[in-house]
Amino acid sequence: MIRLLVIGTVVALLAAGVQSWRVTRLSEQLTAAQSQLGAYAEAAAIRARQDAEQARLRDAAAALDEDLSHMEGGDAPLDAYLSDAARKLWP
């Protein structure tokens, strides 16, 4: 009877040890996943800021082009120097 009790206790302790190891491993995996999720969220926020800045710059460039095209002399031909510079800036 005592032998069965000892064997049962050892089996229960082994099972508790295995379960504790599994819980610890899963906890570590959860922590790593949460860290990775935080990094993804930060990357998405950075990308959103960059996209907004690009849209702002694109809108400002379009507004500048529109202003230049409606200014006095906007339809006049450019000299060679300015023409070359314009082709480099606006391919």
N, C-alpha and C. Protein backbone atom coordinates (compact mmCIF):
# COMPACT_ATOMS: atom_id res chain seq x y z
N MET A 1 0.81 -1.18 0.00
CA MET A 1 0.00 0.00 0.00
C MET A 1 0.86 1.26 0.00
N ILE A 2 1.89 1.25 0.84
CA ILE A 2 2.79 2.40 0.90
C ILE A 2 3.54 2.54 -0.43
N ARG A 3 3.91 1.40 -1.02
CA ARG A 3 4.62 1.42 -2.29
C ARG A 3 3.75 2.09 -3.37
N LEU A 4 2.46 1.78 -3.42
CA LEU A 4 1.55 2.40 -4.37
C LEU A 4 1.42 3.89 -4.11
N LEU A 5 1.39 4.27 -2.85
CA LEU A 5 1.30 5.69 -2.50
C LEU A 5 2.56 6.44 -2.94
N VAL A 6 3.72 5.84 -2.75
CA VAL A 6 4.98 6.46 -3.16
C VAL A 6 5.02 6.57 -4.69
N ILE A 7 4.64 5.50 -5.38
CA ILE A 7 4.62 5.52 -6.84
C ILE A 7 3.63 6.57 -7.35
N GLY A 8 2.48 6.65 -6.75
CA GLY A 8 1.48 7.65 -7.13
C GLY A 8 1.99 9.06 -6.90
N THR A 9 2.68 9.27 -5.79
CA THR A 9 3.23 10.59 -5.48
C THR A 9 4.31 10.98 -6.49
N VAL A 10 5.17 10.03 -6.83
CA VAL A 10 6.24 10.30 -7.81
C VAL A 10 5.63 10.63 -9.18
N VAL A 11 4.62 9.85 -9.58
CA VAL A 11 3.97 10.11 -10.86
C VAL A 11 3.29 11.49 -10.85
N ALA A 12 2.65 11.82 -9.75
CA ALA A 12 1.99 13.13 -9.64
C ALA A 12 3.01 14.25 -9.68
N LEU A 13 4.15 14.08 -9.00
CA LEU A 13 5.19 15.10 -9.03
C LEU A 13 5.79 15.25 -10.43
N LEU A 14 6.00 14.14 -11.11
CA LEU A 14 6.50 14.20 -12.49
C LEU A 14 5.50 14.92 -13.40
N ALA A 15 4.25 14.59 -13.26
CA ALA A 15 3.22 15.24 -14.07
C ALA A 15 3.17 16.73 -13.76
N ALA A 16 3.28 17.10 -12.49
CA ALA A 16 3.27 18.52 -12.11
C ALA A 16 4.51 19.22 -12.68
N GLY A 17 5.66 18.56 -12.67
CA GLY A 17 6.88 19.14 -13.23
C GLY A 17 6.76 19.36 -14.73
N VAL A 18 6.21 18.37 -15.43
CA VAL A 18 6.02 18.51 -16.87
C VAL A 18 5.04 19.63 -17.17
N GLN A 19 3.97 19.69 -16.42
CA GLN A 19 2.98 20.74 -16.63
C GLN A 19 3.57 22.11 -16.35
N SER A 20 4.38 22.21 -15.30
CA SER A 20 5.03 23.48 -14.97
C SER A 20 5.98 23.90 -16.09
N TRP A 21 6.72 22.96 -16.65
CA TRP A 21 7.62 23.25 -17.77
C TRP A 21 6.84 23.73 -18.99
N ARG A 22 5.71 23.08 -19.27
CA ARG A 22 4.89 23.48 -20.42
C ARG A 22 4.32 24.88 -20.23
N VAL A 23 3.87 25.19 -19.02
CA VAL A 23 3.31 26.51 -18.74
C VAL A 23 4.40 27.58 -18.88
N THR A 24 5.59 27.29 -18.38
CA THR A 24 6.71 28.22 -18.50
C THR A 24 7.06 28.46 -19.96
N ARG A 25 7.12 27.39 -20.75
CA ARG A 25 7.45 27.50 -22.17
C ARG A 25 6.38 28.31 -22.91
N LEU A 26 5.12 28.03 -22.63
CA LEU A 26 4.04 28.78 -23.27
C LEU A 26 4.05 30.25 -22.86
N SER A 27 4.40 30.52 -21.62
CA SER A 27 4.49 31.89 -21.14
C SER A 27 5.61 32.64 -21.87
N GLU A 28 6.73 31.97 -22.09
CA GLU A 28 7.84 32.58 -22.82
C GLU A 28 7.43 32.85 -24.28
N GLN A 29 6.71 31.92 -24.88
CA GLN A 29 6.24 32.11 -26.25
C GLN A 29 5.25 33.27 -26.33
N LEU A 30 4.39 33.39 -25.33
CA LEU A 30 3.43 34.50 -25.30
C LEU A 30 4.16 35.84 -25.18
N THR A 31 5.16 35.90 -24.33
CA THR A 31 5.94 37.12 -24.17
C THR A 31 6.63 37.50 -25.48
N ALA A 32 7.20 36.51 -26.16
CA ALA A 32 7.87 36.78 -27.44
C ALA A 32 6.86 37.25 -28.48
N ALA A 33 5.70 36.65 -28.52
CA ALA A 33 4.67 37.05 -29.48
C ALA A 33 4.17 38.46 -29.19
N GLN A 34 4.01 38.81 -27.93
CA GLN A 34 3.58 40.16 -27.57
C GLN A 34 4.64 41.19 -27.97
N SER A 35 5.90 40.84 -27.78
CA SER A 35 6.98 41.73 -28.17
C SER A 35 6.99 41.94 -29.68
N GLN A 36 6.81 40.86 -30.42
CA GLN A 36 6.77 40.95 -31.88
C GLN A 36 5.57 41.77 -32.34
N LEU A 37 4.44 41.59 -31.69
CA LEU A 37 3.25 42.36 -32.03
C LEU A 37 3.48 43.85 -31.79
N GLY A 38 4.14 44.19 -30.70
CA GLY A 38 4.48 45.58 -30.43
C GLY A 38 5.39 46.17 -31.50
N ALA A 39 6.35 45.36 -31.96
CA ALA A 39 7.24 45.82 -33.03
C ALA A 39 6.47 46.04 -34.32
N TYR A 40 5.53 45.14 -34.63
CA TYR A 40 4.72 45.31 -35.83
C TYR A 40 3.85 46.57 -35.74
N ALA A 41 3.30 46.83 -34.57
CA ALA A 41 2.48 48.03 -34.39
C ALA A 41 3.32 49.29 -34.56
N GLU A 42 4.53 49.28 -34.02
CA GLU A 42 5.42 50.43 -34.18
C GLU A 42 5.80 50.63 -35.65
N ALA A 43 6.08 49.54 -36.35
CA ALA A 43 6.42 49.64 -37.77
C ALA A 43 5.23 50.17 -38.57
N ALA A 44 4.04 49.75 -38.23
CA ALA A 44 2.85 50.24 -38.93
C ALA A 44 2.65 51.73 -38.68
N ALA A 45 2.91 52.18 -37.46
CA ALA A 45 2.77 53.61 -37.15
C ALA A 45 3.81 54.43 -37.91
N ILE A 46 5.04 53.92 -37.99
CA ILE A 46 6.08 54.62 -38.74
C ILE A 46 5.70 54.69 -40.21
N ARG A 47 5.20 53.58 -40.75
CA ARG A 47 4.81 53.56 -42.16
C ARG A 47 3.66 54.54 -42.42
N ALA A 48 2.71 54.61 -41.50
CA ALA A 48 1.59 55.54 -41.67
C ALA A 48 2.08 56.99 -41.68
N ARG A 49 3.03 57.31 -40.80
CA ARG A 49 3.58 58.67 -40.78
C ARG A 49 4.33 58.97 -42.07
N GLN A 50 5.08 57.99 -42.56
CA GLN A 50 5.80 58.20 -43.82
C GLN A 50 4.83 58.37 -44.99
N ASP A 51 3.79 57.57 -45.02
CA ASP A 51 2.80 57.71 -46.09
C ASP A 51 2.11 59.07 -46.05
N ALA A 52 1.80 59.54 -44.85
CA ALA A 52 1.17 60.86 -44.71
C ALA A 52 2.12 61.96 -45.17
N GLU A 53 3.40 61.84 -44.81
CA GLU A 53 4.39 62.83 -45.23
C GLU A 53 4.56 62.81 -46.75
N GLN A 54 4.59 61.64 -47.35
CA GLN A 54 4.69 61.54 -48.81
C GLN A 54 3.47 62.16 -49.49
N ALA A 55 2.30 61.92 -48.96
CA ALA A 55 1.08 62.51 -49.52
C ALA A 55 1.12 64.03 -49.42
N ARG A 56 1.61 64.53 -48.27
CA ARG A 56 1.72 65.98 -48.09
C ARG A 56 2.70 66.57 -49.10
N LEU A 57 3.85 65.93 -49.28
CA LEU A 57 4.83 66.42 -50.24
C LEU A 57 4.31 66.35 -51.67
N ARG A 58 3.60 65.29 -51.99
CA ARG A 58 3.02 65.14 -53.33
C ARG A 58 2.00 66.25 -53.59
N ASP A 59 1.15 66.53 -52.60
CA ASP A 59 0.16 67.60 -52.74
C ASP A 59 0.82 68.96 -52.88
N ALA A 60 1.89 69.19 -52.10
CA ALA A 60 2.60 70.47 -52.18
C ALA A 60 3.26 70.62 -53.55
N ALA A 61 3.83 69.56 -54.07
CA ALA A 61 4.47 69.62 -55.39
C ALA A 61 3.42 69.86 -56.48
N ALA A 62 2.28 69.23 -56.36
CA ALA A 62 1.21 69.44 -57.35
C ALA A 62 0.71 70.88 -57.29
N ALA A 63 0.58 71.43 -56.09
CA ALA A 63 0.14 72.82 -55.94
C ALA A 63 1.17 73.77 -56.52
N LEU A 64 2.45 73.50 -56.30
CA LEU A 64 3.50 74.33 -56.86
C LEU A 64 3.48 74.27 -58.39
N ASP A 65 3.34 73.08 -58.95
CA ASP A 65 3.25 72.94 -60.39
C ASP A 65 2.05 73.73 -60.94
N GLU A 66 0.94 73.64 -60.25
CA GLU A 66 -0.26 74.36 -60.69
C GLU A 66 -0.03 75.86 -60.64
N ASP A 67 0.59 76.35 -59.55
CA ASP A 67 0.88 77.79 -59.43
C ASP A 67 1.82 78.25 -60.53
N LEU A 68 2.87 77.49 -60.78
CA LEU A 68 3.84 77.88 -61.80
C LEU A 68 3.22 77.89 -63.19
N SER A 69 2.31 76.96 -63.44
CA SER A 69 1.71 76.91 -64.77
C SER A 69 0.73 78.08 -65.01
N HIS A 70 0.23 78.69 -63.94
CA HIS A 70 -0.72 79.80 -64.11
C HIS A 70 -0.08 81.17 -63.92
N MET A 71 1.21 81.20 -63.62
CA MET A 71 1.89 82.49 -63.43
C MET A 71 2.12 83.15 -64.79
N GLU A 72 2.32 84.46 -64.75
CA GLU A 72 2.61 85.18 -65.98
C GLU A 72 3.91 84.65 -66.57
N GLY A 73 3.88 84.33 -67.82
CA GLY A 73 5.04 83.78 -68.49
C GLY A 73 5.15 82.28 -68.32
N GLY A 74 4.15 81.67 -67.73
CA GLY A 74 4.19 80.22 -67.50
C GLY A 74 4.16 79.42 -68.78
N ASP A 75 3.66 80.02 -69.86
CA ASP A 75 3.61 79.31 -71.12
C ASP A 75 4.75 79.70 -72.06
N ALA A 76 5.65 80.57 -71.59
CA ALA A 76 6.78 81.00 -72.41
C ALA A 76 7.84 79.90 -72.43
N PRO A 77 8.56 79.76 -73.53
CA PRO A 77 9.61 78.75 -73.59
C PRO A 77 10.77 79.13 -72.67
N LEU A 78 11.42 78.12 -72.13
CA LEU A 78 12.57 78.34 -71.24
C LEU A 78 13.84 78.40 -72.07
N ASP A 79 14.86 79.12 -71.53
CA ASP A 79 16.14 79.08 -72.21
C ASP A 79 16.77 77.70 -71.98
N ALA A 80 17.87 77.41 -72.63
CA ALA A 80 18.46 76.06 -72.62
C ALA A 80 18.85 75.64 -71.20
N TYR A 81 19.42 76.56 -70.44
CA TYR A 81 19.86 76.23 -69.07
C TYR A 81 18.68 75.83 -68.19
N LEU A 82 17.65 76.64 -68.18
CA LEU A 82 16.47 76.34 -67.37
C LEU A 82 15.73 75.12 -67.89
N SER A 83 15.72 74.94 -69.18
CA SER A 83 15.06 73.78 -69.78
C SER A 83 15.74 72.49 -69.32
N ASP A 84 17.08 72.47 -69.35
CA ASP A 84 17.83 71.29 -68.88
C ASP A 84 17.57 71.03 -67.39
N ALA A 85 17.57 72.10 -66.60
CA ALA A 85 17.32 71.96 -65.17
C ALA A 85 15.91 71.43 -64.91
N ALA A 86 14.94 71.94 -65.66
CA ALA A 86 13.56 71.49 -65.48
C ALA A 86 13.42 70.02 -65.84
N ARG A 87 14.09 69.58 -66.91
CA ARG A 87 14.01 68.16 -67.29
C ARG A 87 14.63 67.26 -66.22
N LYS A 88 15.66 67.75 -65.53
CA LYS A 88 16.27 66.96 -64.46
C LYS A 88 15.34 66.88 -63.23
N LEU A 89 14.65 67.98 -62.97
CA LEU A 89 13.75 68.00 -61.80
C LEU A 89 12.44 67.28 -62.07
N TRP A 90 11.92 67.46 -63.27
CA TRP A 90 10.63 66.86 -63.62
C TRP A 90 10.79 65.99 -64.88
N PRO A 91 11.30 64.78 -64.72
CA PRO A 91 11.58 63.93 -65.87
C PRO A 91 10.33 63.55 -66.65
